[in-house]
Each structure stands twice: as C-alpha cells, then as structure tokens.
Amino acid sequence: MRVKVSEFGMRNKGKVNDLRLGEGMRALEHTLDDVERRFGVSRREFLTFCTAITATLGLPSGAAAEVAEAITKKTRPSVIWLHHQECTGCTESMLRAEHPTLEKLILDIISLDYHETLFAAAGHQAEAARKEAMEKNKGKYLLVVEGAIPTKDGGIYCKIGGQTSLELTREAAAGAAAIVAIGSCASWGGMPSTPPNPTGSKGVAEALGRNDILTIPGCPSNPYNFLATVVHFLTFGKLPPIDKKGRPLFAYSRLIHENCERRAHFDAGRFALEFGDEGHRKGYCLYKIGCKGPETYANCPAVLFGDVGMASWPVGTGHPCIGCSEQGIGFAKPIHALADLKNQRPPVSYPRVAEEQGTGVNTAGVAVLAGVVGAAVGAGAMLTKKLSSLEGSGAAGGRRSDDGRLE
C-alpha cells in the first residue's frame, strides 16, 4: 500500500518534534555544564531562576529553556548607565539583589561598560571608556538612565564631564538599541520635578521628546523588574511589551491593592485607623491611614524587596504605600490622603470604606433657608389675618339658630 508523503509526515510529526526536543534538551544540558563555575549556583538553582524570570515576564513555561540559553550562550549586551538628578537608590537596590548578585549580573549576563557609581575609573578615563563603548557597540548597546534631567536654562544644573545631562543623554540615546529609564526620577521626573521644580526637571522620555522609552518607575525601582527586562532583551532582541506610560506590562499591569496581603481585611472592612492602634498591630488594611495601593500599579507585593523573606515591602512592614511609582500620586498626594478606589471595593453588605462627612452650612445655604422660613412666616401671618377677617364679618351680618349656631 502506497502512503502519501503528507500522511507520513503527519504520522511522524510527533516523533520529529520529540527528536528535536531531545536534541534541544541535550544541547541545554551541555550548556548548563559550566553554570556552577560561572554563576556560583547549582544547575537546579539556575533553572529555577530562569523559570522564575519566565513567569515574571508572563512567557510560556517552555520559554525557560530559551532564557537559559540566552543567558549562558549569547553575547552579553553592552550597557551604558547614566546618572542624573537622583539619590542613586536604584543602583543601591541593585547592589542588594541576590538572584543573581550584582557582580554575577555585571560579569556574566551584561557588559556594564559605563556606570559612574560602580566604575573604578574616574574623570577623563571614565568618559573615554564610555565613548569607546558607545562607538564599538553603536546601534547595539542598552542605554539605562537613572535620575531626572534638568532642562531649565539649557540644563546647566547637572553636568558630567563638562556636558549637561541633557546633552549627554541625547548623545548616548542616538546610538542605543533600546533605552530604559530606571526609577521614578528618570521615568517621569520623580522627586526632583515636584513643585516648584526650580531646575525644570523632567523624565527621560519627556526631555528627549520620545515615546519609545521603557520606564521602570519606583523609588527605588525593583531590581528584578530591571533584570527581567534585560533578560527579555537578551533572549528576544527587543524590550518587553509596555503600557501607554512605557512601563513593562509584566510588572505594572495590576494594582498593588489587587495582590496585597492585607486585601482580605479591606474586603471585610477591617482597617487600621492610626499608627500603633489595635488594627495596625493586628495587620489590618492600611487604606484609612493613607495607603495608595488602590491607585498605584506595580508588582511590589509579589516580588518584594531585598531578598530578606516575607513582608519585605512597605505595606508588609506596616507602612502605607505612598504610590512612589505612580505619576501624580508619589511625591504629590499627601501621605494621609485617602486613595481613589479604581476597581476594588468591599462587598455591598459591608460598611462603606470611608463614610461621607457633613461639610456644614455655607452662606448660600443660610440665605436660601432664611428665604424659605421668611416666606413661611409671611404666609402664616396672611392666613391668620384672613381667618380673623372672615370671622368678624360673619359675626356682624349673620344670625344664629335656636341652638346658637351661626347661619
């Protein structure tokens, strides 16, 4: 019996795929042989890390092998890291990352060719290294910007190596394959841009007039959001999908409130009313003492900070979220002010989260009330006068019956 080629292909498609998968796994096994030597972790820990990064990025589970291969085999991307108006908090946060540690990130995953805080070189030597790396990797390097950019008076309020922050960023951005603004200061201006903003500080995208810049806001930003972004760039040659504000969707698509460990208390109407009260000590919801989680997008409760275990983020330690990653909330809205509830509210059978309070009577209200009372008094007086007149006229012109009634 003759068998068509297409039928043969369909019958053996599964076998071919299995063969390819087996070859891929064998190649991956070979790749992982030197993982322990390079990264100082076991193969199991490395694959766990790759799986976690894959899950963080929202990729299919099968992509973990691609991530592992990209980290171990592909050429390390050159990274130019600029600092402007900021406190270096994002770099400090990166220094405390443990999976991987910073030295592993720098030496084995990326090639950090310029970073003012971590550079051993200084002065002209450091600037020469930056320009050399930019020329050598033109069109291929990843530009990371930390800090807001002053734009007033030509940007003279922040200079590095004789260049203003604005000039330096424009020069570096021209040859970059992709640009990442790390931290709230670089993302949308952050603390330096708060009123009266005397230096005209702006986020990188606004300062450069571009809409293709990925932002990782936070004060500081979470180092694993940056690491996941770098791994995505390394694996697929492009930055991950972003929202309208340039934030990666894998990290900023959900409200903090949605995944908060205290969410059940919010739903049940259990709130701390002041710091140190019984509700605060019992771990109740912090909404009524100013938590901005219901209006702030970030993955803080899922990723946490500092690799020190559970509760290692502001709300977990008992302090309300201040909305540091959200423009218009962080450094703008008073800490004690109630957050606007976006889409999460307690069941209708529970008491309202914030009972409305009376605001007193204003001048217009007093005037209206006086008019109504005056009209009522006047109408009453007129009615009394008319009744009195009718009674008087009846007594004068009428006659009474034998039983005394007026006819």
Protein backbone atom coordinates (compact mmCIF):
# COMPACT_ATOMS: atom_id res chain seq x y z
CA MET A 1 0.00 0.00 0.00
CA ARG A 2 1.30 3.41 -1.00
CA VAL A 3 1.46 6.09 1.67
CA LYS A 4 1.36 9.76 0.72
CA VAL A 5 4.26 11.87 1.87
CA SER A 6 1.88 14.23 3.71
CA GLU A 7 0.34 11.32 5.59
CA PHE A 8 3.78 10.04 6.50
CA GLY A 9 4.69 13.49 7.76
CA MET A 10 1.57 13.74 9.91
CA ARG A 11 2.12 10.27 11.38
CA ASN A 12 5.72 11.05 12.25
CA LYS A 13 5.30 14.70 13.24
CA GLY A 14 5.22 13.83 16.93
CA LYS A 15 8.35 11.72 16.60
CA VAL A 16 10.18 14.53 14.80
CA ASN A 17 9.17 17.02 17.48
CA ASP A 18 10.25 14.63 20.20
CA LEU A 19 13.59 14.20 18.43
CA ARG A 20 14.07 17.99 18.18
CA LEU A 21 13.07 18.43 21.82
CA GLY A 22 15.55 15.76 22.81
CA GLU A 23 18.31 17.46 20.84
CA GLY A 24 17.39 20.79 22.46
CA MET A 25 17.50 19.29 25.92
CA ARG A 26 20.87 17.66 25.22
CA ALA A 27 22.21 21.00 24.00
CA LEU A 28 20.83 22.68 27.10
CA GLU A 29 22.43 20.01 29.29
CA HIS A 30 25.75 20.72 27.61
CA THR A 31 25.24 24.46 28.08
CA LEU A 32 24.49 24.05 31.76
CA ASP A 33 27.65 22.10 32.45
CA ASP A 34 29.61 25.25 33.33
CA VAL A 35 26.76 27.09 35.09
CA GLU A 36 28.06 26.31 38.56
CA ARG A 37 31.52 27.54 37.63
CA ARG A 38 30.32 30.78 36.02
CA PHE A 39 27.43 31.78 38.28
CA GLY A 40 28.34 30.12 41.56
CA VAL A 41 24.97 28.32 41.75
CA SER A 42 23.87 24.77 41.11
CA ARG A 43 22.17 23.81 37.86
CA ARG A 44 18.91 23.33 39.73
CA GLU A 45 19.09 26.84 41.22
CA PHE A 46 19.93 28.32 37.82
CA LEU A 47 16.98 26.63 36.11
CA THR A 48 14.73 27.73 38.98
CA PHE A 49 15.91 31.30 38.39
CA CYS A 50 15.22 31.03 34.64
CA THR A 51 11.76 29.63 35.31
CA ALA A 52 11.04 32.46 37.75
CA ILE A 53 12.16 35.07 35.20
CA THR A 54 9.97 33.41 32.58
CA ALA A 55 6.96 33.51 34.90
CA THR A 56 7.67 37.13 35.83
CA LEU A 57 7.66 38.09 32.16
CA GLY A 58 4.42 36.18 31.57
CA LEU A 59 6.06 33.88 29.00
CA PRO A 60 5.02 30.25 28.32
CA SER A 61 6.71 27.68 30.53
CA GLY A 62 8.67 26.31 27.54
CA ALA A 63 10.43 29.66 27.19
CA ALA A 64 12.56 28.88 30.27
CA ALA A 65 14.94 26.90 28.04
CA GLU A 66 15.30 29.89 25.69
CA VAL A 67 16.00 32.16 28.65
CA ALA A 68 18.64 29.76 29.98
CA GLU A 69 20.29 29.51 26.59
CA ALA A 70 20.29 33.28 26.12
CA ILE A 71 21.93 33.88 29.49
CA THR A 72 24.60 31.22 29.06
CA LYS A 73 25.42 31.38 25.36
CA LYS A 74 24.53 34.71 23.76
CA THR A 75 26.89 37.66 23.63
CA ARG A 76 26.49 39.86 26.67
CA PRO A 77 24.80 43.13 25.74
CA SER A 78 26.79 46.31 26.33
CA VAL A 79 25.12 48.59 28.89
CA ILE A 80 25.77 52.33 29.25
CA TRP A 81 24.32 53.52 32.58
CA LEU A 82 23.94 57.28 33.11
CA HIS A 83 23.20 59.11 36.37
CA HIS A 84 21.49 62.49 36.66
CA GLN A 85 19.28 64.08 39.36
CA GLU A 86 18.70 61.20 41.78
CA CYS A 87 19.83 59.65 45.05
CA THR A 88 21.40 56.51 43.49
CA GLY A 89 18.68 54.49 45.23
CA CYS A 90 18.03 52.29 42.20
CA THR A 91 21.70 51.35 41.99
CA GLU A 92 21.77 50.74 45.74
CA SER A 93 18.75 48.47 45.36
CA MET A 94 20.54 46.60 42.58
CA LEU A 95 23.58 46.15 44.84
CA ARG A 96 21.41 44.17 47.25
CA ALA A 97 19.98 41.77 44.67
CA GLU A 98 20.81 38.12 45.34
CA HIS A 99 19.44 36.25 42.31
CA PRO A 100 21.88 36.88 40.74
CA THR A 101 24.20 39.08 42.76
CA LEU A 102 25.37 42.28 41.12
CA GLU A 103 28.84 41.00 40.28
CA LYS A 104 27.31 37.99 38.50
CA LEU A 105 24.94 40.27 36.62
CA ILE A 106 27.79 42.55 35.53
CA LEU A 107 30.35 39.85 34.71
CA ASP A 108 28.19 37.10 33.23
CA ILE A 109 24.87 38.48 31.95
CA ILE A 110 25.60 42.03 30.80
CA SER A 111 28.71 44.01 29.97
CA LEU A 112 28.47 47.14 32.12
CA ASP A 113 30.75 49.44 30.17
CA TYR A 114 29.90 52.70 31.96
CA HIS A 115 28.44 53.35 35.40
CA GLU A 116 29.58 56.38 37.39
CA THR A 117 28.89 54.81 40.81
CA LEU A 118 30.49 51.42 40.17
CA PHE A 119 33.35 52.48 37.90
CA ALA A 120 36.88 52.16 39.21
CA ALA A 121 37.96 54.72 36.63
CA ALA A 122 37.26 58.43 37.05
CA GLY A 123 37.46 61.71 35.19
CA HIS A 124 38.73 61.67 31.61
CA GLN A 125 39.47 57.94 31.81
CA ALA A 126 35.82 57.13 32.60
CA GLU A 127 34.48 59.38 29.85
CA ALA A 128 36.91 57.84 27.35
CA ALA A 129 35.64 54.37 28.28
CA ARG A 130 32.05 55.49 27.73
CA LYS A 131 32.73 56.94 24.30
CA GLU A 132 34.77 53.89 23.28
CA ALA A 133 31.96 51.52 24.31
CA MET A 134 29.36 53.62 22.50
CA GLU A 135 31.41 53.64 19.29
CA LYS A 136 32.28 49.94 19.45
CA ASN A 137 28.68 48.85 20.10
CA LYS A 138 26.85 51.53 18.11
CA GLY A 139 23.27 50.51 17.46
CA LYS A 140 23.55 47.52 19.78
CA TYR A 141 24.03 48.78 23.34
CA LEU A 142 21.36 49.20 26.01
CA LEU A 143 21.16 52.70 27.48
CA VAL A 144 19.98 52.88 31.09
CA VAL A 145 19.21 56.29 32.57
CA GLU A 146 18.84 56.82 36.32
CA GLY A 147 17.64 60.22 37.50
CA ALA A 148 15.64 63.16 36.19
CA ILE A 149 17.04 65.51 33.58
CA PRO A 150 17.09 69.27 34.32
CA THR A 151 16.08 71.29 31.26
CA LYS A 152 15.76 74.87 32.53
CA ASP A 153 18.44 77.37 31.48
CA GLY A 154 19.85 74.91 28.99
CA GLY A 155 20.17 72.15 31.59
CA ILE A 156 23.10 73.75 33.43
CA TYR A 157 22.01 72.38 36.82
CA CYS A 158 23.57 68.96 36.27
CA LYS A 159 26.81 68.38 34.39
CA ILE A 160 29.07 65.34 33.94
CA GLY A 161 32.44 65.63 32.23
CA GLY A 162 31.64 69.14 31.03
CA GLN A 163 28.37 68.09 29.38
CA THR A 164 24.88 68.77 30.68
CA SER A 165 22.68 65.77 31.48
CA LEU A 166 20.51 66.66 28.52
CA GLU A 167 23.46 66.78 26.09
CA LEU A 168 24.94 63.57 27.48
CA THR A 169 21.65 61.67 27.24
CA ARG A 170 20.94 62.86 23.71
CA GLU A 171 24.42 61.77 22.62
CA ALA A 172 24.09 58.32 24.20
CA ALA A 173 20.49 57.82 23.01
CA ALA A 174 21.45 58.41 19.37
CA GLY A 175 23.34 55.12 19.12
CA ALA A 176 21.37 52.95 21.54
CA ALA A 177 19.42 49.86 20.51
CA ALA A 178 16.98 50.48 23.35
CA ILE A 179 16.58 52.91 26.25
CA VAL A 180 15.46 52.09 29.78
CA ALA A 181 14.55 54.80 32.30
CA ILE A 182 15.02 53.24 35.72
CA GLY A 183 13.36 54.71 38.80
CA SER A 184 10.60 57.31 39.10
CA CYS A 185 13.01 60.23 38.62
CA ALA A 186 14.03 59.01 35.17
CA SER A 187 10.57 57.68 34.32
CA TRP A 188 8.51 60.82 34.93
CA GLY A 189 10.58 63.30 36.94
CA GLY A 190 10.03 61.88 40.42
CA MET A 191 11.07 63.90 43.46
CA PRO A 192 13.21 66.49 41.55
CA SER A 193 10.19 67.51 39.45
CA THR A 194 7.89 68.31 42.37
CA PRO A 195 6.72 71.95 42.60
CA PRO A 196 8.22 74.46 42.32
CA ASN A 197 10.68 72.40 40.24
CA PRO A 198 13.32 75.17 40.00
CA THR A 199 15.57 73.26 37.58
CA GLY A 200 12.85 72.20 35.14
CA SER A 201 13.40 68.51 35.84
CA LYS A 202 11.74 66.01 33.51
CA GLY A 203 11.66 62.30 32.86
CA VAL A 204 13.83 60.92 30.06
CA ALA A 205 11.00 60.44 27.55
CA GLU A 206 9.71 63.98 28.02
CA ALA A 207 13.18 65.52 27.95
CA LEU A 208 14.11 63.72 24.72
CA GLY A 209 10.66 64.05 23.16
CA ARG A 210 10.39 60.30 22.51
CA ASN A 211 7.68 57.72 23.13
CA ASP A 212 9.71 54.52 22.67
CA ILE A 213 11.47 54.53 26.04
CA LEU A 214 10.76 51.76 28.53
CA THR A 215 10.25 53.02 32.08
CA ILE A 216 10.69 51.11 35.34
CA PRO A 217 9.32 53.55 37.95
CA GLY A 218 9.66 53.15 41.69
CA CYS A 219 11.61 54.84 44.47
CA PRO A 220 13.65 52.77 44.25
CA SER A 221 12.62 50.53 41.38
CA ASN A 222 12.68 46.80 41.98
CA PRO A 223 15.95 45.31 40.69
CA TYR A 224 14.20 42.18 39.43
CA ASN A 225 11.99 44.20 37.12
CA PHE A 226 15.15 45.58 35.56
CA LEU A 227 16.79 42.15 35.44
CA ALA A 228 13.73 40.61 33.79
CA THR A 229 13.75 43.42 31.22
CA VAL A 230 17.42 42.77 30.43
CA VAL A 231 16.84 39.02 30.10
CA HIS A 232 13.91 39.64 27.74
CA PHE A 233 16.13 41.92 25.64
CA LEU A 234 18.87 39.30 25.69
CA THR A 235 16.52 36.45 24.75
CA PHE A 236 14.36 38.08 22.09
CA GLY A 237 16.44 41.05 20.97
CA LYS A 238 13.75 43.56 21.98
CA LEU A 239 12.20 45.08 25.08
CA PRO A 240 9.05 43.52 26.62
CA PRO A 241 5.52 44.84 25.84
CA ILE A 242 4.72 48.14 27.56
CA ASP A 243 1.66 50.18 28.53
CA LYS A 244 0.87 53.75 27.41
CA LYS A 245 3.28 55.10 30.04
CA GLY A 246 6.15 52.95 28.80
CA ARG A 247 6.01 50.53 31.76
CA PRO A 248 6.54 46.78 31.13
CA LEU A 249 3.19 45.03 31.41
CA PHE A 250 4.65 42.08 33.29
CA ALA A 251 5.35 44.38 36.25
CA TYR A 252 2.85 47.25 36.06
CA SER A 253 -0.40 45.84 34.70
CA ARG A 254 -2.01 45.21 38.10
CA LEU A 255 -2.84 47.47 41.02
CA ILE A 256 -0.83 46.87 44.19
CA HIS A 257 -4.15 46.54 46.00
CA GLU A 258 -5.15 43.50 43.93
CA ASN A 259 -2.32 41.32 45.24
CA CYS A 260 -1.84 42.91 48.66
CA GLU A 261 -1.51 40.52 51.58
CA ARG A 262 -3.92 42.75 53.55
CA ARG A 263 -6.60 42.69 50.86
CA ALA A 264 -8.84 40.31 52.81
CA HIS A 265 -9.03 42.84 55.65
CA PHE A 266 -10.08 45.54 53.18
CA ASP A 267 -12.86 43.33 51.83
CA ALA A 268 -14.03 42.56 55.38
CA GLY A 269 -13.98 46.21 56.46
CA ARG A 270 -11.13 45.83 58.96
CA PHE A 271 -8.88 48.92 58.98
CA ALA A 272 -6.07 50.45 61.00
CA LEU A 273 -7.24 53.95 61.94
CA GLU A 274 -3.93 55.27 63.21
CA PHE A 275 -0.37 54.06 63.61
CA GLY A 276 0.03 51.77 66.60
CA ASP A 277 -3.67 51.14 67.24
CA GLU A 278 -5.12 47.65 67.65
CA GLY A 279 -5.94 47.29 63.95
CA HIS A 280 -2.43 48.36 62.96
CA ARG A 281 -0.87 45.83 65.35
CA LYS A 282 -3.14 43.08 64.02
CA GLY A 283 -2.12 43.72 60.41
CA TYR A 284 -5.40 45.24 59.22
CA CYS A 285 -5.73 47.15 55.95
CA LEU A 286 -3.86 50.49 55.87
CA TYR A 287 -6.25 52.27 53.48
CA LYS A 288 -7.63 54.67 56.10
CA ILE A 289 -4.18 55.88 57.10
CA GLY A 290 -3.29 56.78 53.53
CA CYS A 291 -2.25 53.64 51.63
CA LYS A 292 -2.11 54.40 47.89
CA GLY A 293 -2.15 50.75 46.81
CA PRO A 294 -5.68 51.04 45.33
CA GLU A 295 -4.48 53.60 42.76
CA THR A 296 -0.87 52.50 42.13
CA TYR A 297 0.26 49.99 39.53
CA ALA A 298 3.26 47.82 40.50
CA ASN A 299 4.17 44.25 41.46
CA CYS A 300 5.69 45.07 44.88
CA PRO A 301 3.59 42.56 46.89
CA ALA A 302 4.55 39.75 44.50
CA VAL A 303 8.28 40.43 44.03
CA LEU A 304 9.07 42.09 47.40
CA PHE A 305 12.40 43.82 48.15
CA GLY A 306 15.83 42.99 49.44
CA ASP A 307 15.64 39.17 49.42
CA VAL A 308 15.03 39.05 53.16
CA GLY A 309 11.85 36.98 53.09
CA MET A 310 8.16 37.65 53.58
CA ALA A 311 6.79 41.11 54.31
CA SER A 312 9.90 42.81 52.88
CA TRP A 313 8.00 45.67 51.29
CA PRO A 314 6.43 48.84 52.79
CA VAL A 315 2.89 47.56 53.42
CA GLY A 316 4.25 44.29 54.73
CA THR A 317 6.24 46.17 57.37
CA GLY A 318 3.23 48.26 58.41
CA HIS A 319 3.64 51.47 56.41
CA PRO A 320 1.10 52.62 53.80
CA CYS A 321 2.15 52.59 50.16
CA ILE A 322 2.96 56.18 49.09
CA GLY A 323 2.45 55.49 45.37
CA CYS A 324 6.09 56.18 44.55
CA SER A 325 5.84 54.60 41.09
CA GLU A 326 2.72 56.50 40.02
CA GLN A 327 2.98 59.98 38.50
CA GLY A 328 0.60 62.43 40.15
CA ILE A 329 0.47 60.38 43.36
CA GLY A 330 4.01 59.77 44.55
CA PHE A 331 5.56 62.95 46.00
CA ALA A 332 2.37 64.83 45.07
CA LYS A 333 -0.55 63.44 47.04
CA PRO A 334 -0.33 63.83 50.85
CA ILE A 335 0.52 60.61 52.63
CA HIS A 336 -2.57 60.86 54.86
CA ALA A 337 -4.99 61.47 51.94
CA LEU A 338 -7.29 58.59 51.01
CA ALA A 339 -6.59 56.85 47.70
CA ASP A 340 -9.13 56.86 44.90
CA LEU A 341 -10.55 53.36 44.55
CA LYS A 342 -10.05 52.24 40.95
CA ASN A 343 -11.83 48.92 40.68
CA GLN A 344 -11.73 47.11 44.02
CA ARG A 345 -14.42 47.74 46.63
CA PRO A 346 -15.73 45.74 49.60
CA PRO A 347 -18.99 43.79 49.15
CA VAL A 348 -22.11 45.96 49.39
CA SER A 349 -23.20 44.14 52.54
CA TYR A 350 -20.20 45.57 54.42
CA PRO A 351 -19.90 49.11 55.77
CA ARG A 352 -18.56 51.69 53.35
CA VAL A 353 -14.79 52.17 53.40
CA ALA A 354 -15.00 55.91 54.03
CA GLU A 355 -18.24 57.31 55.41
CA GLU A 356 -19.13 60.71 53.97
CA GLN A 357 -18.95 63.55 56.44
CA GLY A 358 -21.08 66.71 56.55
CA THR A 359 -19.38 69.93 55.48
CA GLY A 360 -21.51 72.46 57.47
CA VAL A 361 -23.77 75.24 56.14
CA ASN A 362 -22.37 77.83 53.75
CA THR A 363 -23.58 81.41 53.16
CA ALA A 364 -25.72 80.49 50.18
CA GLY A 365 -27.41 77.75 52.18
CA VAL A 366 -28.18 80.19 55.02
CA ALA A 367 -29.68 82.67 52.55
CA VAL A 368 -31.91 80.05 50.96
CA LEU A 369 -33.02 78.75 54.35
CA ALA A 370 -33.80 82.32 55.54
CA GLY A 371 -35.89 82.95 52.44
CA VAL A 372 -37.87 79.76 52.91
CA VAL A 373 -38.50 80.48 56.60
CA GLY A 374 -39.46 84.11 55.84
CA ALA A 375 -41.91 83.03 53.17
CA ALA A 376 -43.45 80.51 55.54
CA VAL A 377 -43.84 83.10 58.32
CA GLY A 378 -45.37 85.63 55.91
CA ALA A 379 -47.82 83.09 54.55
CA GLY A 380 -48.86 82.14 58.07
CA ALA A 381 -49.47 85.79 59.00
CA MET A 382 -51.62 86.39 55.94
CA LEU A 383 -53.66 83.26 56.63
CA THR A 384 -54.28 84.33 60.20
CA LYS A 385 -55.36 87.80 59.04
CA LYS A 386 -57.80 86.39 56.51
CA LEU A 387 -59.37 84.00 59.02
CA SER A 388 -59.79 86.82 61.50
CA SER A 389 -61.48 88.97 58.85
CA LEU A 390 -63.88 86.21 57.89
CA GLU A 391 -64.83 85.53 61.48
CA GLY A 392 -65.52 89.25 62.11
CA SER A 393 -67.73 89.61 59.05
CA GLY A 394 -69.73 86.51 59.94
CA ALA A 395 -70.48 87.77 63.47
CA ALA A 396 -71.74 91.14 62.14
CA GLY A 397 -74.02 90.07 59.26
CA GLY A 398 -75.19 86.60 60.16
CA ARG A 399 -77.86 85.28 62.54
CA ARG A 400 -77.88 82.39 64.94
CA SER A 401 -80.26 79.47 65.12
CA ASP A 402 -82.16 78.46 68.24
CA ASP A 403 -79.27 76.15 69.29
CA GLY A 404 -76.69 79.02 68.95
CA ARG A 405 -75.05 78.01 65.64
CA LEU A 406 -74.11 80.71 63.11
CA GLU A 407 -76.20 80.56 59.90
